[in-house]
Amino acid sequence: MSQINVKPLADRVLVEAAPAEEKTAFGIIIPDTAKEKPQKGIVIAVGPGKKDEPLTVKTGDTVLYGKYAGTEITVDGKEYLIMREADIFAIV
């Protein structure tokens, strides 16, 4: 993991999405137009949390989140999602 110059505020989390599936389990190649948005990623940075609510996720955790969760941002040419911790469903 490389160092990134983004520090999320409050209960926000910066996530690097896992790459989209290239093939099905049967070996069929999926075209770019049919690929689904990944719902799994690695936490890159976390905010300090709210006053009485510390964050439960930490840097390096693999998490599952909603299909439309977060806002896509580009930092140094790389795509990330920034979302609230409440948008994360589980730590894998």
PDB file of N, CA and C in Angstrom:
ATOM      1  N   MET A   1       0.844  -1.187   0.000  1.00  0.00           N
ATOM      2  CA  MET A   1       0.000   0.000   0.000  1.00  0.00           C
ATOM      3  C   MET A   1       0.886   1.246   0.000  1.00  0.00           C
ATOM      4  N   SER A   2       0.616   2.125  -0.893  1.00  0.00           N
ATOM      5  CA  SER A   2       1.388   3.354  -0.959  1.00  0.00           C
ATOM      6  C   SER A   2       0.769   4.416  -0.055  1.00  0.00           C
ATOM      7  N   GLN A   3       1.566   5.385   0.322  1.00  0.00           N
ATOM      8  CA  GLN A   3       1.107   6.473   1.176  1.00  0.00           C
ATOM      9  C   GLN A   3       0.259   7.431   0.352  1.00  0.00           C
ATOM     10  N   ILE A   4      -0.858   7.853   0.898  1.00  0.00           N
ATOM     11  CA  ILE A   4      -1.765   8.758   0.190  1.00  0.00           C
ATOM     12  C   ILE A   4      -1.948  10.023   1.019  1.00  0.00           C
ATOM     13  N   ASN A   5      -2.109  11.161   0.351  1.00  0.00           N
ATOM     14  CA  ASN A   5      -2.208  12.447   1.031  1.00  0.00           C
ATOM     15  C   ASN A   5      -3.638  12.892   1.278  1.00  0.00           C
ATOM     16  N   VAL A   6      -4.541  11.961   1.521  1.00  0.00           N
ATOM     17  CA  VAL A   6      -5.932  12.291   1.799  1.00  0.00           C
ATOM     18  C   VAL A   6      -6.262  11.816   3.202  1.00  0.00           C
ATOM     19  N   LYS A   7      -6.771  12.709   4.037  1.00  0.00           N
ATOM     20  CA  LYS A   7      -7.174  12.365   5.401  1.00  0.00           C
ATOM     21  C   LYS A   7      -8.670  12.621   5.520  1.00  0.00           C
ATOM     22  N   PRO A   8      -9.493  11.559   5.555  1.00  0.00           N
ATOM     23  CA  PRO A   8     -10.945  11.747   5.681  1.00  0.00           C
ATOM     24  C   PRO A   8     -11.307  12.441   6.997  1.00  0.00           C
ATOM     25  N   LEU A   9     -12.419  13.157   6.986  1.00  0.00           N
ATOM     26  CA  LEU A   9     -12.896  13.857   8.173  1.00  0.00           C
ATOM     27  C   LEU A   9     -14.002  13.063   8.856  1.00  0.00           C
ATOM     28  N   ALA A  10     -14.187  13.285  10.139  1.00  0.00           N
ATOM     29  CA  ALA A  10     -15.262  12.699  10.955  1.00  0.00           C
ATOM     30  C   ALA A  10     -15.336  11.187  10.774  1.00  0.00           C
ATOM     31  N   ASP A  11     -16.510  10.674  10.375  1.00  0.00           N
ATOM     32  CA  ASP A  11     -16.695   9.224  10.270  1.00  0.00           C
ATOM     33  C   ASP A  11     -16.561   8.719   8.833  1.00  0.00           C
ATOM     34  N   ARG A  12     -15.775   9.404   8.034  1.00  0.00           N
ATOM     35  CA  ARG A  12     -15.607   8.995   6.644  1.00  0.00           C
ATOM     36  C   ARG A  12     -14.404   8.063   6.483  1.00  0.00           C
ATOM     37  N   VAL A  13     -14.472   7.236   5.443  1.00  0.00           N
ATOM     38  CA  VAL A  13     -13.460   6.216   5.183  1.00  0.00           C
ATOM     39  C   VAL A  13     -13.091   6.276   3.709  1.00  0.00           C
ATOM     40  N   LEU A  14     -11.813   6.159   3.390  1.00  0.00           N
ATOM     41  CA  LEU A  14     -11.337   6.119   2.014  1.00  0.00           C
ATOM     42  C   LEU A  14     -11.075   4.664   1.646  1.00  0.00           C
ATOM     43  N   VAL A  15     -11.717   4.183   0.573  1.00  0.00           N
ATOM     44  CA  VAL A  15     -11.654   2.773   0.185  1.00  0.00           C
ATOM     45  C   VAL A  15     -11.153   2.648  -1.246  1.00  0.00           C
ATOM     46  N   GLU A  16     -10.254   1.703  -1.470  1.00  0.00           N
ATOM     47  CA  GLU A  16      -9.828   1.351  -2.826  1.00  0.00           C
ATOM     48  C   GLU A  16     -10.644   0.130  -3.232  1.00  0.00           C
ATOM     49  N   ALA A  17     -11.474   0.284  -4.254  1.00  0.00           N
ATOM     50  CA  ALA A  17     -12.352  -0.801  -4.692  1.00  0.00           C
ATOM     51  C   ALA A  17     -11.540  -1.942  -5.293  1.00  0.00           C
ATOM     52  N   ALA A  18     -12.000  -3.162  -5.050  1.00  0.00           N
ATOM     53  CA  ALA A  18     -11.376  -4.336  -5.660  1.00  0.00           C
ATOM     54  C   ALA A  18     -11.627  -4.287  -7.167  1.00  0.00           C
ATOM     55  N   PRO A  19     -10.752  -4.874  -7.964  1.00  0.00           N
ATOM     56  CA  PRO A  19     -10.977  -4.856  -9.409  1.00  0.00           C
ATOM     57  C   PRO A  19     -12.228  -5.652  -9.786  1.00  0.00           C
ATOM     58  N   ALA A  20     -12.905  -5.241 -10.843  1.00  0.00           N
ATOM     59  CA  ALA A  20     -14.103  -5.931 -11.318  1.00  0.00           C
ATOM     60  C   ALA A  20     -13.716  -7.291 -11.881  1.00  0.00           C
ATOM     61  N   GLU A  21     -14.641  -8.229 -11.786  1.00  0.00           N
ATOM     62  CA  GLU A  21     -14.407  -9.580 -12.294  1.00  0.00           C
ATOM     63  C   GLU A  21     -14.184  -9.547 -13.808  1.00  0.00           C
ATOM     64  N   GLU A  22     -13.149 -10.228 -14.283  1.00  0.00           N
ATOM     65  CA  GLU A  22     -12.838 -10.300 -15.711  1.00  0.00           C
ATOM     66  C   GLU A  22     -13.493 -11.513 -16.366  1.00  0.00           C
ATOM     67  N   LYS A  23     -13.661 -12.612 -15.586  1.00  0.00           N
ATOM     68  CA  LYS A  23     -14.226 -13.854 -16.101  1.00  0.00           C
ATOM     69  C   LYS A  23     -15.252 -14.395 -15.121  1.00  0.00           C
ATOM     70  N   THR A  24     -16.179 -15.182 -15.628  1.00  0.00           N
ATOM     71  CA  THR A  24     -17.132 -15.874 -14.761  1.00  0.00           C
ATOM     72  C   THR A  24     -16.455 -17.130 -14.212  1.00  0.00           C
ATOM     73  N   ALA A  25     -17.139 -17.834 -13.320  1.00  0.00           N
ATOM     74  CA  ALA A  25     -16.605 -19.070 -12.761  1.00  0.00           C
ATOM     75  C   ALA A  25     -16.413 -20.136 -13.840  1.00  0.00           C
ATOM     76  N   PHE A  26     -17.145 -20.031 -14.949  1.00  0.00           N
ATOM     77  CA  PHE A  26     -17.049 -20.998 -16.031  1.00  0.00           C
ATOM     78  C   PHE A  26     -16.049 -20.579 -17.108  1.00  0.00           C
ATOM     79  N   GLY A  27     -15.362 -19.445 -16.917  1.00  0.00           N
ATOM     80  CA  GLY A  27     -14.334 -19.015 -17.848  1.00  0.00           C
ATOM     81  C   GLY A  27     -14.805 -18.097 -18.954  1.00  0.00           C
ATOM     82  N   ILE A  28     -16.043 -17.633 -18.881  1.00  0.00           N
ATOM     83  CA  ILE A  28     -16.555 -16.711 -19.890  1.00  0.00           C
ATOM     84  C   ILE A  28     -16.026 -15.317 -19.598  1.00  0.00           C
ATOM     85  N   ILE A  29     -15.451 -14.673 -20.600  1.00  0.00           N
ATOM     86  CA  ILE A  29     -14.900 -13.323 -20.421  1.00  0.00           C
ATOM     87  C   ILE A  29     -16.038 -12.309 -20.417  1.00  0.00           C
ATOM     88  N   ILE A  30     -16.036 -11.428 -19.424  1.00  0.00           N
ATOM     89  CA  ILE A  30     -17.090 -10.422 -19.285  1.00  0.00           C
ATOM     90  C   ILE A  30     -16.648  -9.136 -19.987  1.00  0.00           C
ATOM     91  N   PRO A  31     -17.448  -8.612 -20.935  1.00  0.00           N
ATOM     92  CA  PRO A  31     -17.070  -7.360 -21.601  1.00  0.00           C
ATOM     93  C   PRO A  31     -17.188  -6.171 -20.636  1.00  0.00           C
ATOM     94  N   ASP A  32     -16.480  -5.097 -20.946  1.00  0.00           N
ATOM     95  CA  ASP A  32     -16.474  -3.911 -20.079  1.00  0.00           C
ATOM     96  C   ASP A  32     -17.873  -3.356 -19.826  1.00  0.00           C
ATOM     97  N   THR A  33     -18.740  -3.435 -20.812  1.00  0.00           N
ATOM     98  CA  THR A  33     -20.081  -2.865 -20.659  1.00  0.00           C
ATOM     99  C   THR A  33     -20.960  -3.675 -19.711  1.00  0.00           C
ATOM    100  N   ALA A  34     -20.612  -4.935 -19.459  1.00  0.00           N
ATOM    101  CA  ALA A  34     -21.433  -5.798 -18.604  1.00  0.00           C
ATOM    102  C   ALA A  34     -20.852  -5.994 -17.206  1.00  0.00           C
ATOM    103  N   LYS A  35     -19.677  -5.430 -16.944  1.00  0.00           N
ATOM    104  CA  LYS A  35     -19.051  -5.598 -15.630  1.00  0.00           C
ATOM    105  C   LYS A  35     -19.844  -4.860 -14.564  1.00  0.00           C
ATOM    106  N   GLU A  36     -19.990  -5.515 -13.418  1.00  0.00           N
ATOM    107  CA  GLU A  36     -20.691  -4.881 -12.305  1.00  0.00           C
ATOM    108  C   GLU A  36     -19.710  -4.112 -11.436  1.00  0.00           C
ATOM    109  N   LYS A  37     -20.198  -3.080 -10.822  1.00  0.00           N
ATOM    110  CA  LYS A  37     -19.396  -2.275  -9.914  1.00  0.00           C
ATOM    111  C   LYS A  37     -19.040  -3.134  -8.696  1.00  0.00           C
ATOM    112  N   PRO A  38     -17.751  -3.197  -8.309  1.00  0.00           N
ATOM    113  CA  PRO A  38     -17.380  -4.028  -7.163  1.00  0.00           C
ATOM    114  C   PRO A  38     -18.008  -3.509  -5.866  1.00  0.00           C
ATOM    115  N   GLN A  39     -18.289  -4.425  -4.946  1.00  0.00           N
ATOM    116  CA  GLN A  39     -18.850  -4.063  -3.647  1.00  0.00           C
ATOM    117  C   GLN A  39     -17.919  -4.482  -2.524  1.00  0.00           C
ATOM    118  N   LYS A  40     -16.643  -4.614  -2.848  1.00  0.00           N
ATOM    119  CA  LYS A  40     -15.634  -5.038  -1.889  1.00  0.00           C
ATOM    120  C   LYS A  40     -14.408  -4.167  -2.105  1.00  0.00           C
ATOM    121  N   GLY A  41     -13.712  -3.829  -1.028  1.00  0.00           N
ATOM    122  CA  GLY A  41     -12.520  -3.010  -1.175  1.00  0.00           C
ATOM    123  C   GLY A  41     -11.664  -3.014   0.065  1.00  0.00           C
ATOM    124  N   ILE A  42     -10.541  -2.317  -0.017  1.00  0.00           N
ATOM    125  CA  ILE A  42      -9.590  -2.224   1.095  1.00  0.00           C
ATOM    126  C   ILE A  42      -9.597  -0.802   1.620  1.00  0.00           C
ATOM    127  N   VAL A  43      -9.664  -0.659   2.938  1.00  0.00           N
ATOM    128  CA  VAL A  43      -9.649   0.651   3.584  1.00  0.00           C
ATOM    129  C   VAL A  43      -8.238   1.225   3.491  1.00  0.00           C
ATOM    130  N   ILE A  44      -8.120   2.412   2.909  1.00  0.00           N
ATOM    131  CA  ILE A  44      -6.835   3.076   2.723  1.00  0.00           C
ATOM    132  C   ILE A  44      -6.576   4.093   3.834  1.00  0.00           C
ATOM    133  N   ALA A  45      -7.625   4.827   4.240  1.00  0.00           N
ATOM    134  CA  ALA A  45      -7.484   5.838   5.295  1.00  0.00           C
ATOM    135  C   ALA A  45      -8.814   5.983   6.018  1.00  0.00           C
ATOM    136  N   VAL A  46      -8.759   6.351   7.293  1.00  0.00           N
ATOM    137  CA  VAL A  46      -9.965   6.562   8.089  1.00  0.00           C
ATOM    138  C   VAL A  46      -9.895   7.906   8.791  1.00  0.00           C
ATOM    139  N   GLY A  47     -11.061   8.485   9.039  1.00  0.00           N
ATOM    140  CA  GLY A  47     -11.143   9.732   9.782  1.00  0.00           C
ATOM    141  C   GLY A  47     -11.064   9.462  11.280  1.00  0.00           C
ATOM    142  N   PRO A  48     -11.095  10.509  12.085  1.00  0.00           N
ATOM    143  CA  PRO A  48     -10.981  10.349  13.543  1.00  0.00           C
ATOM    144  C   PRO A  48     -12.257   9.837  14.215  1.00  0.00           C
ATOM    145  N   GLY A  49     -13.381   9.823  13.510  1.00  0.00           N
ATOM    146  CA  GLY A  49     -14.648   9.409  14.112  1.00  0.00           C
ATOM    147  C   GLY A  49     -15.384  10.608  14.673  1.00  0.00           C
ATOM    148  N   LYS A  50     -16.591  10.358  15.160  1.00  0.00           N
ATOM    149  CA  LYS A  50     -17.375  11.425  15.786  1.00  0.00           C
ATOM    150  C   LYS A  50     -17.026  11.502  17.267  1.00  0.00           C
ATOM    151  N   LYS A  51     -17.547  12.514  17.944  1.00  0.00           N
ATOM    152  CA  LYS A  51     -17.182  12.781  19.327  1.00  0.00           C
ATOM    153  C   LYS A  51     -17.309  11.558  20.233  1.00  0.00           C
ATOM    154  N   ASP A  52     -18.448  10.904  20.253  1.00  0.00           N
ATOM    155  CA  ASP A  52     -18.655   9.756  21.130  1.00  0.00           C
ATOM    156  C   ASP A  52     -18.767   8.444  20.374  1.00  0.00           C
ATOM    157  N   GLU A  53     -18.360   8.432  19.091  1.00  0.00           N
ATOM    158  CA  GLU A  53     -18.460   7.235  18.262  1.00  0.00           C
ATOM    159  C   GLU A  53     -17.144   6.987  17.527  1.00  0.00           C
ATOM    160  N   PRO A  54     -16.229   6.221  18.129  1.00  0.00           N
ATOM    161  CA  PRO A  54     -14.992   5.906  17.403  1.00  0.00           C
ATOM    162  C   PRO A  54     -15.281   4.952  16.249  1.00  0.00           C
ATOM    163  N   LEU A  55     -14.435   4.992  15.232  1.00  0.00           N
ATOM    164  CA  LEU A  55     -14.624   4.123  14.072  1.00  0.00           C
ATOM    165  C   LEU A  55     -14.231   2.688  14.407  1.00  0.00           C
ATOM    166  N   THR A  56     -14.947   1.728  13.823  1.00  0.00           N
ATOM    167  CA  THR A  56     -14.631   0.318  14.055  1.00  0.00           C
ATOM    168  C   THR A  56     -13.738  -0.244  12.963  1.00  0.00           C
ATOM    169  N   VAL A  57     -13.707   0.381  11.784  1.00  0.00           N
ATOM    170  CA  VAL A  57     -12.804  -0.082  10.727  1.00  0.00           C
ATOM    171  C   VAL A  57     -11.462   0.607  10.881  1.00  0.00           C
ATOM    172  N   LYS A  58     -10.423  -0.048  10.371  1.00  0.00           N
ATOM    173  CA  LYS A  58      -9.081   0.540  10.429  1.00  0.00           C
ATOM    174  C   LYS A  58      -8.389   0.346   9.087  1.00  0.00           C
ATOM    175  N   THR A  59      -7.328   1.045   8.874  1.00  0.00           N
ATOM    176  CA  THR A  59      -6.577   0.964   7.635  1.00  0.00           C
ATOM    177  C   THR A  59      -6.136  -0.478   7.384  1.00  0.00           C
ATOM    178  N   GLY A  60      -6.345  -0.934   6.146  1.00  0.00           N
ATOM    179  CA  GLY A  60      -5.949  -2.288   5.777  1.00  0.00           C
ATOM    180  C   GLY A  60      -7.072  -3.311   5.827  1.00  0.00           C
ATOM    181  N   ASP A  61      -8.214  -2.965   6.446  1.00  0.00           N
ATOM    182  CA  ASP A  61      -9.358  -3.880   6.509  1.00  0.00           C
ATOM    183  C   ASP A  61      -9.966  -4.063   5.125  1.00  0.00           C
ATOM    184  N   THR A  62     -10.422  -5.280   4.830  1.00  0.00           N
ATOM    185  CA  THR A  62     -11.187  -5.540   3.627  1.00  0.00           C
ATOM    186  C   THR A  62     -12.651  -5.453   4.015  1.00  0.00           C
ATOM    187  N   VAL A  63     -13.418  -4.627   3.298  1.00  0.00           N
ATOM    188  CA  VAL A  63     -14.801  -4.355   3.683  1.00  0.00           C
ATOM    189  C   VAL A  63     -15.766  -4.614   2.526  1.00  0.00           C
ATOM    190  N   LEU A  64     -17.030  -4.844   2.885  1.00  0.00           N
ATOM    191  CA  LEU A  64     -18.124  -4.957   1.932  1.00  0.00           C
ATOM    192  C   LEU A  64     -19.011  -3.737   2.107  1.00  0.00           C
ATOM    193  N   TYR A  65     -19.439  -3.141   1.006  1.00  0.00           N
ATOM    194  CA  TYR A  65     -20.265  -1.939   1.059  1.00  0.00           C
ATOM    195  C   TYR A  65     -21.345  -2.008  -0.011  1.00  0.00           C
ATOM    196  N   GLY A  66     -22.294  -1.094   0.049  1.00  0.00           N
ATOM    197  CA  GLY A  66     -23.401  -1.070  -0.897  1.00  0.00           C
ATOM    198  C   GLY A  66     -22.965  -0.720  -2.303  1.00  0.00           C
ATOM    199  N   LYS A  67     -23.749  -1.153  -3.272  1.00  0.00           N
ATOM    200  CA  LYS A  67     -23.429  -0.947  -4.684  1.00  0.00           C
ATOM    201  C   LYS A  67     -23.288   0.535  -5.033  1.00  0.00           C
ATOM    202  N   TYR A  68     -24.109   1.379  -4.443  1.00  0.00           N
ATOM    203  CA  TYR A  68     -24.090   2.809  -4.764  1.00  0.00           C
ATOM    204  C   TYR A  68     -23.523   3.645  -3.612  1.00  0.00           C
ATOM    205  N   ALA A  69     -22.773   3.034  -2.722  1.00  0.00           N
ATOM    206  CA  ALA A  69     -22.210   3.738  -1.571  1.00  0.00           C
ATOM    207  C   ALA A  69     -21.025   4.598  -1.994  1.00  0.00           C
ATOM    208  N   GLY A  70     -20.869   5.702  -1.305  1.00  0.00           N
ATOM    209  CA  GLY A  70     -19.697   6.534  -1.475  1.00  0.00           C
ATOM    210  C   GLY A  70     -19.681   7.418  -2.703  1.00  0.00           C
ATOM    211  N   THR A  71     -18.651   8.234  -2.753  1.00  0.00           N
ATOM    212  CA  THR A  71     -18.417   9.155  -3.857  1.00  0.00           C
ATOM    213  C   THR A  71     -17.066   8.815  -4.466  1.00  0.00           C
ATOM    214  N   GLU A  72     -17.030   8.677  -5.777  1.00  0.00           N
ATOM    215  CA  GLU A  72     -15.785   8.346  -6.462  1.00  0.00           C
ATOM    216  C   GLU A  72     -14.896   9.583  -6.551  1.00  0.00           C
ATOM    217  N   ILE A  73     -13.623   9.405  -6.192  1.00  0.00           N
ATOM    218  CA  ILE A  73     -12.642  10.488  -6.322  1.00  0.00           C
ATOM    219  C   ILE A  73     -11.385   9.911  -6.976  1.00  0.00           C
ATOM    220  N   THR A  74     -10.595  10.784  -7.594  1.00  0.00           N
ATOM    221  CA  THR A  74      -9.331  10.378  -8.199  1.00  0.00           C
ATOM    222  C   THR A  74      -8.215  11.144  -7.509  1.00  0.00           C
ATOM    223  N   VAL A  75      -7.238  10.398  -6.999  1.00  0.00           N
ATOM    224  CA  VAL A  75      -6.082  10.998  -6.336  1.00  0.00           C
ATOM    225  C   VAL A  75      -4.836  10.406  -6.980  1.00  0.00           C
ATOM    226  N   ASP A  76      -3.968  11.252  -7.518  1.00  0.00           N
ATOM    227  CA  ASP A  76      -2.736  10.823  -8.189  1.00  0.00           C
ATOM    228  C   ASP A  76      -3.013   9.789  -9.278  1.00  0.00           C
ATOM    229  N   GLY A  77      -4.119   9.966 -10.017  1.00  0.00           N
ATOM    230  CA  GLY A  77      -4.457   9.086 -11.118  1.00  0.00           C
ATOM    231  C   GLY A  77      -5.067   7.754 -10.714  1.00  0.00           C
ATOM    232  N   LYS A  78      -5.374   7.570  -9.446  1.00  0.00           N
ATOM    233  CA  LYS A  78      -5.947   6.320  -8.961  1.00  0.00           C
ATOM    234  C   LYS A  78      -7.348   6.562  -8.424  1.00  0.00           C
ATOM    235  N   GLU A  79      -8.282   5.635  -8.697  1.00  0.00           N
ATOM    236  CA  GLU A  79      -9.683   5.777  -8.288  1.00  0.00           C
ATOM    237  C   GLU A  79      -9.896   5.268  -6.860  1.00  0.00           C
ATOM    238  N   TYR A  80     -10.637   6.041  -6.071  1.00  0.00           N
ATOM    239  CA  TYR A  80     -10.992   5.668  -4.703  1.00  0.00           C
ATOM    240  C   TYR A  80     -12.455   6.008  -4.461  1.00  0.00           C
ATOM    241  N   LEU A  81     -13.007   5.468  -3.390  1.00  0.00           N
ATOM    242  CA  LEU A  81     -14.340   5.822  -2.921  1.00  0.00           C
ATOM    243  C   LEU A  81     -14.190   6.415  -1.537  1.00  0.00           C
ATOM    244  N   ILE A  82     -14.911   7.493  -1.274  1.00  0.00           N
ATOM    245  CA  ILE A  82     -14.949   8.036   0.073  1.00  0.00           C
ATOM    246  C   ILE A  82     -16.394   7.919   0.544  1.00  0.00           C
ATOM    247  N   MET A  83     -16.587   7.307   1.723  1.00  0.00           N
ATOM    248  CA  MET A  83     -17.932   7.026   2.218  1.00  0.00           C
ATOM    249  C   MET A  83     -17.965   7.117   3.731  1.00  0.00           C
ATOM    250  N   ARG A  84     -19.170   7.202   4.269  1.00  0.00           N
ATOM    251  CA  ARG A  84     -19.347   7.168   5.712  1.00  0.00           C
ATOM    252  C   ARG A  84     -19.209   5.726   6.193  1.00  0.00           C
ATOM    253  N   GLU A  85     -18.784   5.567   7.430  1.00  0.00           N
ATOM    254  CA  GLU A  85     -18.642   4.220   7.981  1.00  0.00           C
ATOM    255  C   GLU A  85     -19.990   3.484   7.982  1.00  0.00           C
ATOM    256  N   ALA A  86     -21.082   4.208   8.106  1.00  0.00           N
ATOM    257  CA  ALA A  86     -22.413   3.597   8.110  1.00  0.00           C
ATOM    258  C   ALA A  86     -22.749   2.925   6.775  1.00  0.00           C
ATOM    259  N   ASP A  87     -22.058   3.304   5.685  1.00  0.00           N
ATOM    260  CA  ASP A  87     -22.278   2.695   4.377  1.00  0.00           C
ATOM    261  C   ASP A  87     -21.585   1.346   4.250  1.00  0.00           C
ATOM    262  N   ILE A  88     -20.728   1.014   5.203  1.00  0.00           N
ATOM    263  CA  ILE A  88     -20.001  -0.263   5.182  1.00  0.00           C
ATOM    264  C   ILE A  88     -20.846  -1.306   5.902  1.00  0.00           C
ATOM    265  N   PHE A  89     -21.047  -2.454   5.224  1.00  0.00           N
ATOM    266  CA  PHE A  89     -21.876  -3.518   5.791  1.00  0.00           C
ATOM    267  C   PHE A  89     -21.088  -4.476   6.686  1.00  0.00           C
ATOM    268  N   ALA A  90     -19.851  -4.809   6.286  1.00  0.00           N
ATOM    269  CA  ALA A  90     -19.112  -5.826   7.036  1.00  0.00           C
ATOM    270  C   ALA A  90     -17.610  -5.701   6.783  1.00  0.00           C
ATOM    271  N   ILE A  91     -16.850  -6.224   7.738  1.00  0.00           N
ATOM    272  CA  ILE A  91     -15.396  -6.377   7.581  1.00  0.00           C
ATOM    273  C   ILE A  91     -15.165  -7.849   7.276  1.00  0.00           C
ATOM    274  N   VAL A  92     -14.443  -8.120   6.200  1.00  0.00           N
ATOM    275  CA  VAL A  92     -14.200  -9.514   5.789  1.00  0.00           C
ATOM    276  C   VAL A  92     -12.897  -9.999   6.376  1.00  0.00           C
TER     277      VAL A  92
END
